[in-house]
Amino acid sequence: RARLTNHSIDVGLDYSRALSFSRRTSLSFGSGSLAVSDGETTRFDVVGNVDLAHQIGRSWLAGLSYVRDVDFVQVLAQPTFSDSLAASLGGRPFQRLTVSAGAGVSAGRLGLSTEGNRYSAYQSTIGLSVSISRLLSLNMNYAYYRYRFGESDPVPSSIATRARRHLFQIGTGVSLPLFHRTRRTNASR
């Protein structure tokens, strides 16, 4: 098994600010470069991200993001080079209810070669959080995930070439304030 070495160079552009035509819309992006080597082959690539966020009303936020990156997944012997696009929407339709939804797609290659080993992945999520009290909430989440490797591409024998997963979670959340400022009774208004 080859030992992989990753060198990231954070040289590029970084930008983040509200757009001039809308104070409720913000854009941020960053870029850089990296080199990944297994001792015999070295792959150079450009990485980066773009995030667009828009505030809707007082309690809703919509987002769109693009990421080009390399990941090291433990069950895969090789790094994954991918391009990903994701959209999200979240907010509070009622005082005690928070909802969120998101969807994304990712496509890329497994390994240092720029040929073969293609894969694609899709995901979607839906979440609800109901405040039971000021400190306690009930959370429900559903997620669907699917990936597929190319038909003719060699894939490690320990990995299925296609997979679909459904995940449903129910849990509770506790919010504990770290700081609490009290007002003096004789403080001026």
N, C-alpha and C. Protein backbone atom coordinates (compact mmCIF):
# COMPACT_ATOMS: atom_id res chain seq x y z
N ARG A 1 0.84 -1.18 0.00
CA ARG A 1 0.00 0.00 0.00
C ARG A 1 0.88 1.24 0.00
N ALA A 2 0.67 2.13 -0.97
CA ALA A 2 1.50 3.32 -1.12
C ALA A 2 1.16 4.34 -0.05
N ARG A 3 2.18 5.05 0.39
CA ARG A 3 1.97 6.14 1.34
C ARG A 3 1.73 7.43 0.57
N LEU A 4 0.62 8.10 0.88
CA LEU A 4 0.25 9.32 0.18
C LEU A 4 0.74 10.54 0.93
N THR A 5 1.22 11.52 0.18
CA THR A 5 1.67 12.79 0.75
C THR A 5 0.87 13.91 0.10
N ASN A 6 0.37 14.82 0.91
CA ASN A 6 -0.45 15.93 0.43
C ASN A 6 0.23 17.24 0.78
N HIS A 7 0.42 18.11 -0.22
CA HIS A 7 0.99 19.44 -0.01
C HIS A 7 -0.03 20.46 -0.51
N SER A 8 -0.52 21.28 0.37
CA SER A 8 -1.48 22.33 -0.01
C SER A 8 -0.78 23.68 0.03
N ILE A 9 -1.01 24.46 -0.99
CA ILE A 9 -0.47 25.81 -1.05
C ILE A 9 -1.65 26.77 -1.09
N ASP A 10 -1.82 27.54 -0.03
CA ASP A 10 -2.95 28.45 0.04
C ASP A 10 -2.56 29.79 -0.57
N VAL A 11 -2.34 29.77 -1.87
CA VAL A 11 -2.03 30.98 -2.61
C VAL A 11 -3.12 31.13 -3.65
N GLY A 12 -3.77 32.23 -3.64
CA GLY A 12 -4.86 32.45 -4.57
C GLY A 12 -5.67 33.64 -4.12
N LEU A 13 -6.93 33.65 -4.48
CA LEU A 13 -7.82 34.75 -4.13
C LEU A 13 -8.75 34.34 -3.01
N ASP A 14 -9.00 35.23 -2.08
CA ASP A 14 -10.01 35.07 -1.05
C ASP A 14 -10.84 36.34 -1.04
N TYR A 15 -12.16 36.18 -1.04
CA TYR A 15 -13.06 37.33 -1.13
C TYR A 15 -14.32 37.03 -0.35
N SER A 16 -14.83 38.00 0.37
CA SER A 16 -16.09 37.82 1.09
C SER A 16 -16.68 39.19 1.38
N ARG A 17 -17.90 39.43 0.86
CA ARG A 17 -18.60 40.67 1.17
C ARG A 17 -20.03 40.62 0.65
N ALA A 18 -20.83 41.55 1.14
CA ALA A 18 -22.20 41.68 0.65
C ALA A 18 -22.16 42.28 -0.75
N LEU A 19 -23.06 41.85 -1.59
CA LEU A 19 -23.11 42.37 -2.96
C LEU A 19 -23.75 43.75 -2.98
N SER A 20 -23.32 44.61 -3.89
CA SER A 20 -23.77 46.00 -3.90
C SER A 20 -25.25 46.14 -4.23
N PHE A 21 -25.82 45.25 -5.03
CA PHE A 21 -27.23 45.38 -5.40
C PHE A 21 -28.18 44.88 -4.32
N SER A 22 -27.66 44.15 -3.33
CA SER A 22 -28.52 43.62 -2.28
C SER A 22 -27.71 43.40 -1.01
N ARG A 23 -28.09 44.08 0.04
CA ARG A 23 -27.38 43.91 1.32
C ARG A 23 -27.69 42.56 1.94
N ARG A 24 -28.74 41.90 1.45
CA ARG A 24 -29.12 40.59 1.99
C ARG A 24 -28.41 39.43 1.29
N THR A 25 -27.65 39.72 0.25
CA THR A 25 -26.95 38.68 -0.51
C THR A 25 -25.45 38.86 -0.33
N SER A 26 -24.76 37.78 0.00
CA SER A 26 -23.31 37.85 0.17
C SER A 26 -22.64 36.78 -0.68
N LEU A 27 -21.45 37.09 -1.11
CA LEU A 27 -20.65 36.20 -1.94
C LEU A 27 -19.28 36.05 -1.31
N SER A 28 -18.80 34.83 -1.26
CA SER A 28 -17.43 34.58 -0.80
C SER A 28 -16.82 33.50 -1.67
N PHE A 29 -15.52 33.62 -1.89
CA PHE A 29 -14.83 32.57 -2.63
C PHE A 29 -13.37 32.55 -2.22
N GLY A 30 -12.75 31.42 -2.47
CA GLY A 30 -11.34 31.24 -2.17
C GLY A 30 -10.75 30.23 -3.13
N SER A 31 -9.45 30.30 -3.33
CA SER A 31 -8.79 29.37 -4.24
C SER A 31 -7.41 29.03 -3.71
N GLY A 32 -6.86 27.98 -4.23
CA GLY A 32 -5.53 27.54 -3.84
C GLY A 32 -5.08 26.43 -4.76
N SER A 33 -3.99 25.77 -4.41
CA SER A 33 -3.48 24.66 -5.21
C SER A 33 -2.95 23.59 -4.28
N LEU A 34 -2.80 22.38 -4.83
CA LEU A 34 -2.28 21.28 -4.03
C LEU A 34 -1.54 20.29 -4.91
N ALA A 35 -0.72 19.51 -4.26
CA ALA A 35 0.00 18.42 -4.90
C ALA A 35 -0.15 17.19 -4.02
N VAL A 36 -0.55 16.06 -4.62
CA VAL A 36 -0.69 14.80 -3.90
C VAL A 36 0.23 13.79 -4.58
N SER A 37 1.03 13.09 -3.79
CA SER A 37 2.00 12.15 -4.34
C SER A 37 1.93 10.83 -3.60
N ASP A 38 2.16 9.73 -4.35
CA ASP A 38 2.28 8.41 -3.74
C ASP A 38 3.71 7.90 -3.80
N GLY A 39 4.66 8.77 -4.12
CA GLY A 39 6.06 8.41 -4.23
C GLY A 39 6.49 8.17 -5.65
N GLU A 40 5.57 7.78 -6.52
CA GLU A 40 5.87 7.56 -7.93
C GLU A 40 5.17 8.57 -8.83
N THR A 41 3.92 8.87 -8.52
CA THR A 41 3.12 9.79 -9.32
C THR A 41 2.72 10.97 -8.46
N THR A 42 2.81 12.16 -9.01
CA THR A 42 2.37 13.38 -8.33
C THR A 42 1.29 14.04 -9.17
N ARG A 43 0.20 14.41 -8.52
CA ARG A 43 -0.87 15.11 -9.23
C ARG A 43 -1.02 16.51 -8.65
N PHE A 44 -0.96 17.49 -9.53
CA PHE A 44 -1.16 18.88 -9.15
C PHE A 44 -2.58 19.27 -9.55
N ASP A 45 -3.24 20.06 -8.71
CA ASP A 45 -4.61 20.46 -9.02
C ASP A 45 -4.91 21.80 -8.36
N VAL A 46 -5.92 22.45 -8.88
CA VAL A 46 -6.42 23.70 -8.32
C VAL A 46 -7.65 23.37 -7.47
N VAL A 47 -7.74 23.97 -6.30
CA VAL A 47 -8.89 23.79 -5.41
C VAL A 47 -9.51 25.15 -5.14
N GLY A 48 -10.77 25.12 -4.73
CA GLY A 48 -11.42 26.39 -4.43
C GLY A 48 -12.86 26.19 -4.00
N ASN A 49 -13.48 27.29 -3.63
CA ASN A 49 -14.88 27.26 -3.21
C ASN A 49 -15.53 28.60 -3.53
N VAL A 50 -16.83 28.54 -3.80
CA VAL A 50 -17.66 29.72 -4.02
C VAL A 50 -18.94 29.52 -3.22
N ASP A 51 -19.30 30.51 -2.40
CA ASP A 51 -20.52 30.44 -1.59
C ASP A 51 -21.35 31.68 -1.82
N LEU A 52 -22.63 31.47 -2.11
CA LEU A 52 -23.59 32.55 -2.29
C LEU A 52 -24.70 32.35 -1.27
N ALA A 53 -24.99 33.36 -0.45
CA ALA A 53 -26.02 33.26 0.58
C ALA A 53 -26.97 34.43 0.45
N HIS A 54 -28.26 34.16 0.64
CA HIS A 54 -29.27 35.21 0.54
C HIS A 54 -30.24 35.09 1.71
N GLN A 55 -30.38 36.17 2.46
CA GLN A 55 -31.31 36.20 3.59
C GLN A 55 -32.69 36.55 3.07
N ILE A 56 -33.66 35.71 3.43
CA ILE A 56 -35.05 35.91 3.01
C ILE A 56 -35.85 36.28 4.25
N GLY A 57 -36.37 37.48 4.27
CA GLY A 57 -37.12 37.92 5.44
C GLY A 57 -36.20 38.01 6.65
N ARG A 58 -36.77 37.78 7.82
CA ARG A 58 -35.98 37.90 9.05
C ARG A 58 -35.38 36.58 9.50
N SER A 59 -35.95 35.45 9.07
CA SER A 59 -35.52 34.19 9.66
C SER A 59 -35.22 33.08 8.66
N TRP A 60 -35.08 33.40 7.38
CA TRP A 60 -34.79 32.38 6.38
C TRP A 60 -33.48 32.68 5.69
N LEU A 61 -32.75 31.63 5.31
CA LEU A 61 -31.48 31.79 4.61
C LEU A 61 -31.40 30.73 3.51
N ALA A 62 -31.10 31.17 2.30
CA ALA A 62 -30.89 30.26 1.17
C ALA A 62 -29.42 30.33 0.79
N GLY A 63 -28.88 29.20 0.40
CA GLY A 63 -27.47 29.17 0.06
C GLY A 63 -27.18 28.27 -1.13
N LEU A 64 -26.13 28.61 -1.84
CA LEU A 64 -25.65 27.83 -2.97
C LEU A 64 -24.14 27.80 -2.87
N SER A 65 -23.53 26.63 -3.00
CA SER A 65 -22.08 26.54 -2.88
C SER A 65 -21.49 25.56 -3.89
N TYR A 66 -20.29 25.89 -4.33
CA TYR A 66 -19.51 25.03 -5.22
C TYR A 66 -18.15 24.82 -4.57
N VAL A 67 -17.68 23.57 -4.56
CA VAL A 67 -16.38 23.24 -3.96
C VAL A 67 -15.61 22.32 -4.90
N ARG A 68 -14.36 22.65 -5.15
CA ARG A 68 -13.44 21.77 -5.88
C ARG A 68 -12.34 21.43 -4.89
N ASP A 69 -12.20 20.13 -4.57
CA ASP A 69 -11.29 19.76 -3.49
C ASP A 69 -10.80 18.33 -3.65
N VAL A 70 -9.92 17.93 -2.78
CA VAL A 70 -9.46 16.55 -2.68
C VAL A 70 -9.79 16.06 -1.28
N ASP A 71 -10.28 14.82 -1.18
CA ASP A 71 -10.61 14.22 0.12
C ASP A 71 -9.86 12.91 0.27
N PHE A 72 -9.58 12.59 1.51
CA PHE A 72 -8.97 11.31 1.84
C PHE A 72 -9.96 10.54 2.69
N VAL A 73 -10.62 9.55 2.07
CA VAL A 73 -11.62 8.75 2.76
C VAL A 73 -10.93 7.48 3.26
N GLN A 74 -11.14 7.15 4.52
CA GLN A 74 -10.39 6.07 5.15
C GLN A 74 -10.58 4.72 4.45
N VAL A 75 -11.77 4.40 4.00
CA VAL A 75 -12.00 3.09 3.40
C VAL A 75 -11.48 2.99 1.96
N LEU A 76 -11.15 4.11 1.35
CA LEU A 76 -10.59 4.11 0.00
C LEU A 76 -9.08 4.26 0.10
N ALA A 77 -8.36 3.49 -0.67
CA ALA A 77 -6.90 3.54 -0.62
C ALA A 77 -6.34 4.75 -1.36
N GLN A 78 -7.15 5.41 -2.15
CA GLN A 78 -6.70 6.54 -2.96
C GLN A 78 -7.48 7.81 -2.61
N PRO A 79 -6.90 8.98 -2.87
CA PRO A 79 -7.64 10.22 -2.64
C PRO A 79 -8.74 10.40 -3.69
N THR A 80 -9.75 11.19 -3.37
CA THR A 80 -10.81 11.51 -4.32
C THR A 80 -10.72 12.99 -4.68
N PHE A 81 -10.67 13.26 -5.97
CA PHE A 81 -10.68 14.62 -6.51
C PHE A 81 -12.08 14.88 -7.01
N SER A 82 -12.73 15.94 -6.51
CA SER A 82 -14.15 16.10 -6.84
C SER A 82 -14.54 17.56 -7.04
N ASP A 83 -15.65 17.72 -7.75
CA ASP A 83 -16.36 18.98 -7.90
C ASP A 83 -17.74 18.76 -7.31
N SER A 84 -18.16 19.65 -6.40
CA SER A 84 -19.43 19.48 -5.71
C SER A 84 -20.25 20.76 -5.78
N LEU A 85 -21.56 20.58 -5.92
CA LEU A 85 -22.51 21.69 -5.94
C LEU A 85 -23.61 21.37 -4.94
N ALA A 86 -23.95 22.32 -4.07
CA ALA A 86 -24.96 22.08 -3.04
C ALA A 86 -25.85 23.31 -2.88
N ALA A 87 -27.12 23.07 -2.57
CA ALA A 87 -28.08 24.13 -2.31
C ALA A 87 -28.74 23.86 -0.97
N SER A 88 -29.08 24.92 -0.25
CA SER A 88 -29.71 24.75 1.06
C SER A 88 -30.73 25.85 1.31
N LEU A 89 -31.69 25.54 2.15
CA LEU A 89 -32.71 26.49 2.56
C LEU A 89 -33.10 26.17 3.99
N GLY A 90 -33.16 27.19 4.83
CA GLY A 90 -33.52 26.96 6.22
C GLY A 90 -34.14 28.19 6.83
N GLY A 91 -34.98 27.96 7.83
CA GLY A 91 -35.60 29.10 8.48
C GLY A 91 -36.60 28.68 9.53
N ARG A 92 -37.34 29.68 10.02
CA ARG A 92 -38.33 29.47 11.07
C ARG A 92 -39.70 29.93 10.60
N PRO A 93 -40.55 29.02 10.14
CA PRO A 93 -41.90 29.42 9.74
C PRO A 93 -42.77 29.82 10.93
N PHE A 94 -42.47 29.25 12.10
CA PHE A 94 -43.17 29.58 13.33
C PHE A 94 -42.13 29.77 14.42
N GLN A 95 -42.53 30.38 15.51
CA GLN A 95 -41.57 30.73 16.55
C GLN A 95 -40.83 29.51 17.11
N ARG A 96 -41.52 28.40 17.27
CA ARG A 96 -40.88 27.23 17.89
C ARG A 96 -40.43 26.16 16.90
N LEU A 97 -40.59 26.41 15.60
CA LEU A 97 -40.27 25.41 14.58
C LEU A 97 -39.18 25.93 13.65
N THR A 98 -38.12 25.14 13.48
CA THR A 98 -37.05 25.45 12.53
C THR A 98 -37.00 24.32 11.51
N VAL A 99 -36.96 24.66 10.23
CA VAL A 99 -36.89 23.66 9.17
C VAL A 99 -35.64 23.91 8.33
N SER A 100 -35.11 22.85 7.75
CA SER A 100 -33.96 22.97 6.86
C SER A 100 -34.04 21.89 5.79
N ALA A 101 -33.54 22.22 4.63
CA ALA A 101 -33.50 21.27 3.52
C ALA A 101 -32.26 21.55 2.70
N GLY A 102 -31.73 20.51 2.10
CA GLY A 102 -30.54 20.68 1.27
C GLY A 102 -30.42 19.55 0.27
N ALA A 103 -29.71 19.83 -0.81
CA ALA A 103 -29.44 18.82 -1.83
C ALA A 103 -28.09 19.12 -2.43
N GLY A 104 -27.42 18.06 -2.87
CA GLY A 104 -26.10 18.26 -3.45
C GLY A 104 -25.73 17.15 -4.40
N VAL A 105 -24.79 17.45 -5.27
CA VAL A 105 -24.26 16.48 -6.22
C VAL A 105 -22.74 16.65 -6.26
N SER A 106 -22.06 15.54 -6.43
CA SER A 106 -20.60 15.55 -6.48
C SER A 106 -20.15 14.57 -7.55
N ALA A 107 -19.14 14.96 -8.30
CA ALA A 107 -18.58 14.08 -9.32
C ALA A 107 -17.06 14.23 -9.31
N GLY A 108 -16.37 13.14 -9.57
CA GLY A 108 -14.92 13.22 -9.56
C GLY A 108 -14.26 11.93 -9.95
N ARG A 109 -13.01 11.80 -9.53
CA ARG A 109 -12.19 10.64 -9.85
C ARG A 109 -11.51 10.13 -8.58
N LEU A 110 -11.32 8.84 -8.54
CA LEU A 110 -10.61 8.18 -7.45
C LEU A 110 -9.19 7.93 -7.90
N GLY A 111 -8.21 8.38 -7.12
CA GLY A 111 -6.82 8.11 -7.42
C GLY A 111 -6.12 9.27 -8.10
N LEU A 112 -4.82 9.09 -8.31
CA LEU A 112 -3.99 10.16 -8.87
C LEU A 112 -4.06 10.26 -10.38
N SER A 113 -4.55 9.23 -11.04
CA SER A 113 -4.67 9.25 -12.49
C SER A 113 -5.79 10.18 -12.92
N THR A 114 -5.61 10.85 -14.04
CA THR A 114 -6.67 11.71 -14.57
C THR A 114 -7.57 10.94 -15.52
N GLU A 115 -7.35 9.64 -15.65
CA GLU A 115 -8.17 8.76 -16.50
C GLU A 115 -8.85 7.71 -15.63
N GLY A 116 -10.09 7.36 -15.96
CA GLY A 116 -10.78 6.27 -15.27
C GLY A 116 -11.17 6.59 -13.84
N ASN A 117 -11.68 5.60 -13.17
CA ASN A 117 -12.10 5.67 -11.77
C ASN A 117 -13.06 6.83 -11.48
N ARG A 118 -14.01 7.05 -12.38
CA ARG A 118 -15.01 8.10 -12.17
C ARG A 118 -16.03 7.67 -11.12
N TYR A 119 -16.54 8.64 -10.40
CA TYR A 119 -17.64 8.36 -9.47
C TYR A 119 -18.56 9.57 -9.40
N SER A 120 -19.78 9.32 -8.94
CA SER A 120 -20.74 10.40 -8.71
C SER A 120 -21.49 10.10 -7.42
N ALA A 121 -21.91 11.15 -6.75
CA ALA A 121 -22.64 11.00 -5.49
C ALA A 121 -23.74 12.05 -5.42
N TYR A 122 -24.86 11.67 -4.82
CA TYR A 122 -26.00 12.57 -4.67
C TYR A 122 -26.47 12.48 -3.22
N GLN A 123 -26.95 13.59 -2.68
CA GLN A 123 -27.44 13.58 -1.32
C GLN A 123 -28.55 14.60 -1.15
N SER A 124 -29.45 14.33 -0.23
CA SER A 124 -30.50 15.27 0.11
C SER A 124 -30.84 15.11 1.58
N THR A 125 -31.21 16.20 2.22
CA THR A 125 -31.53 16.18 3.65
C THR A 125 -32.74 17.05 3.92
N ILE A 126 -33.49 16.67 4.94
CA ILE A 126 -34.61 17.45 5.45
C ILE A 126 -34.54 17.37 6.97
N GLY A 127 -34.71 18.49 7.63
CA GLY A 127 -34.66 18.50 9.08
C GLY A 127 -35.72 19.38 9.70
N LEU A 128 -36.22 18.97 10.85
CA LEU A 128 -37.19 19.74 11.64
C LEU A 128 -36.69 19.79 13.07
N SER A 129 -36.84 20.94 13.69
CA SER A 129 -36.49 21.09 15.09
C SER A 129 -37.62 21.86 15.78
N VAL A 130 -38.19 21.26 16.81
CA VAL A 130 -39.30 21.87 17.54
C VAL A 130 -38.80 22.21 18.94
N SER A 131 -38.90 23.48 19.32
CA SER A 131 -38.50 23.91 20.67
C SER A 131 -39.57 23.52 21.66
N ILE A 132 -39.20 22.69 22.61
CA ILE A 132 -40.12 22.27 23.66
C ILE A 132 -40.10 23.29 24.79
N SER A 133 -38.93 23.78 25.09
CA SER A 133 -38.77 24.83 26.08
C SER A 133 -37.60 25.71 25.63
N ARG A 134 -37.21 26.64 26.48
CA ARG A 134 -36.12 27.54 26.12
C ARG A 134 -34.79 26.79 25.95
N LEU A 135 -34.64 25.67 26.63
CA LEU A 135 -33.38 24.93 26.62
C LEU A 135 -33.46 23.58 25.91
N LEU A 136 -34.65 23.06 25.63
CA LEU A 136 -34.81 21.70 25.11
C LEU A 136 -35.54 21.72 23.77
N SER A 137 -35.08 20.89 22.83
CA SER A 137 -35.74 20.78 21.52
C SER A 137 -35.81 19.33 21.09
N LEU A 138 -36.77 19.03 20.21
CA LEU A 138 -36.93 17.72 19.60
C LEU A 138 -36.50 17.86 18.14
N ASN A 139 -35.59 17.01 17.68
CA ASN A 139 -35.02 17.11 16.35
C ASN A 139 -35.33 15.86 15.53
N MET A 140 -35.74 16.06 14.28
CA MET A 140 -36.00 14.96 13.36
C MET A 140 -35.28 15.26 12.06
N ASN A 141 -34.52 14.29 11.56
CA ASN A 141 -33.75 14.48 10.33
C ASN A 141 -33.88 13.26 9.43
N TYR A 142 -33.97 13.52 8.14
CA TYR A 142 -33.97 12.46 7.14
C TYR A 142 -32.90 12.79 6.11
N ALA A 143 -32.14 11.78 5.69
CA ALA A 143 -31.10 11.98 4.68
C ALA A 143 -31.12 10.81 3.70
N TYR A 144 -30.89 11.13 2.45
CA TYR A 144 -30.76 10.12 1.40
C TYR A 144 -29.42 10.35 0.73
N TYR A 145 -28.68 9.26 0.51
CA TYR A 145 -27.35 9.36 -0.08
C TYR A 145 -27.19 8.25 -1.10
N ARG A 146 -26.60 8.57 -2.25
CA ARG A 146 -26.35 7.57 -3.29
C ARG A 146 -25.02 7.87 -3.96
N TYR A 147 -24.23 6.82 -4.21
CA TYR A 147 -23.01 6.99 -4.99
C TYR A 147 -22.88 5.88 -6.01
N ARG A 148 -22.08 6.13 -7.04
CA ARG A 148 -21.89 5.14 -8.10
C ARG A 148 -20.52 5.35 -8.73
N PHE A 149 -19.78 4.27 -8.88
CA PHE A 149 -18.52 4.29 -9.62
C PHE A 149 -18.80 3.89 -11.06
N GLY A 150 -17.94 4.31 -11.98
CA GLY A 150 -18.11 3.97 -13.40
C GLY A 150 -18.09 2.48 -13.63
N GLU A 151 -18.83 2.03 -14.65
CA GLU A 151 -18.96 0.59 -14.94
C GLU A 151 -17.63 -0.06 -15.28
N SER A 152 -16.80 0.60 -16.06
CA SER A 152 -15.56 -0.03 -16.52
C SER A 152 -14.35 0.31 -15.66
N ASP A 153 -14.57 1.09 -14.59
CA ASP A 153 -13.44 1.52 -13.77
C ASP A 153 -13.16 0.52 -12.66
N PRO A 154 -11.87 0.25 -12.42
CA PRO A 154 -11.53 -0.66 -11.31
C PRO A 154 -11.79 0.03 -9.97
N VAL A 155 -12.47 -0.68 -9.09
CA VAL A 155 -12.79 -0.16 -7.76
C VAL A 155 -12.23 -1.15 -6.76
N PRO A 156 -11.73 -0.68 -5.62
CA PRO A 156 -11.25 -1.62 -4.60
C PRO A 156 -12.31 -2.66 -4.27
N SER A 157 -11.88 -3.89 -4.08
CA SER A 157 -12.83 -5.00 -3.85
C SER A 157 -13.65 -4.82 -2.59
N SER A 158 -13.18 -4.03 -1.65
CA SER A 158 -13.91 -3.83 -0.40
C SER A 158 -15.03 -2.80 -0.53
N ILE A 159 -15.15 -2.15 -1.70
CA ILE A 159 -16.13 -1.10 -1.90
C ILE A 159 -17.17 -1.54 -2.93
N ALA A 160 -18.43 -1.35 -2.62
CA ALA A 160 -19.50 -1.63 -3.58
C ALA A 160 -19.46 -0.56 -4.67
N THR A 161 -19.73 -0.95 -5.92
CA THR A 161 -19.69 0.02 -7.01
C THR A 161 -20.89 0.95 -6.99
N ARG A 162 -21.97 0.54 -6.32
CA ARG A 162 -23.17 1.38 -6.17
C ARG A 162 -23.72 1.19 -4.77
N ALA A 163 -24.25 2.28 -4.22
CA ALA A 163 -24.88 2.17 -2.90
C ALA A 163 -25.92 3.26 -2.74
N ARG A 164 -26.98 2.92 -2.00
CA ARG A 164 -28.02 3.88 -1.63
C ARG A 164 -28.27 3.73 -0.14
N ARG A 165 -28.44 4.87 0.51
CA ARG A 165 -28.70 4.82 1.94
C ARG A 165 -29.79 5.80 2.30
N HIS A 166 -30.67 5.36 3.20
CA HIS A 166 -31.69 6.22 3.80
C HIS A 166 -31.37 6.27 5.29
N LEU A 167 -31.42 7.44 5.85
CA LEU A 167 -31.13 7.61 7.27
C LEU A 167 -32.20 8.48 7.90
N PHE A 168 -32.80 8.01 8.98
CA PHE A 168 -33.80 8.78 9.70
C PHE A 168 -33.37 8.84 11.16
N GLN A 169 -33.31 10.05 11.71
CA GLN A 169 -32.86 10.23 13.09
C GLN A 169 -33.87 11.06 13.86
N ILE A 170 -34.09 10.66 15.10
CA ILE A 170 -34.90 11.44 16.04
C ILE A 170 -34.07 11.60 17.30
N GLY A 171 -34.02 12.80 17.81
CA GLY A 171 -33.23 13.04 19.01
C GLY A 171 -33.67 14.31 19.72
N THR A 172 -33.03 14.57 20.81
CA THR A 172 -33.29 15.80 21.56
C THR A 172 -32.04 16.65 21.57
N GLY A 173 -32.24 17.93 21.68
CA GLY A 173 -31.13 18.86 21.77
C GLY A 173 -31.26 19.70 23.02
N VAL A 174 -30.13 19.99 23.64
CA VAL A 174 -30.11 20.81 24.85
C VAL A 174 -29.23 22.02 24.58
N SER A 175 -29.75 23.20 24.84
CA SER A 175 -28.98 24.44 24.69
C SER A 175 -28.64 24.96 26.07
N LEU A 176 -27.36 25.05 26.35
CA LEU A 176 -26.92 25.57 27.64
C LEU A 176 -26.16 26.86 27.41
N PRO A 177 -26.67 27.98 27.92
CA PRO A 177 -25.96 29.25 27.71
C PRO A 177 -24.63 29.24 28.46
N LEU A 178 -23.57 29.68 27.78
CA LEU A 178 -22.26 29.74 28.42
C LEU A 178 -22.09 31.01 29.24
N PHE A 179 -22.71 32.08 28.78
CA PHE A 179 -22.61 33.36 29.48
C PHE A 179 -24.01 33.90 29.70
N HIS A 180 -24.21 34.51 30.82
CA HIS A 180 -25.50 35.13 31.11
C HIS A 180 -25.22 36.46 31.77
N ARG A 181 -25.65 37.52 31.14
CA ARG A 181 -25.42 38.86 31.69
C ARG A 181 -26.66 39.28 32.47
N THR A 182 -26.47 39.63 33.70
CA THR A 182 -27.58 40.11 34.52
C THR A 182 -27.53 41.62 34.59
N ARG A 183 -28.66 42.23 34.70
CA ARG A 183 -28.76 43.68 34.78
C ARG A 183 -28.88 44.09 36.24
N ARG A 184 -28.13 45.09 36.62
CA ARG A 184 -28.23 45.59 37.99
C ARG A 184 -29.56 46.30 38.16
N THR A 185 -30.13 46.15 39.30
CA THR A 185 -31.45 46.75 39.54
C THR A 185 -31.41 48.27 39.49
N ASN A 186 -30.29 48.88 39.81
CA ASN A 186 -30.21 50.34 39.80
C ASN A 186 -29.56 50.88 38.51
N ALA A 187 -29.42 50.04 37.50
CA ALA A 187 -28.78 50.47 36.26
C ALA A 187 -29.69 51.46 35.52
N SER A 188 -29.09 52.48 34.96
CA SER A 188 -29.87 53.47 34.22
C SER A 188 -30.29 52.91 32.87
N ARG A 189 -31.41 53.37 32.33
CA ARG A 189 -31.91 52.91 31.06
C ARG A 189 -31.45 53.88 30.04
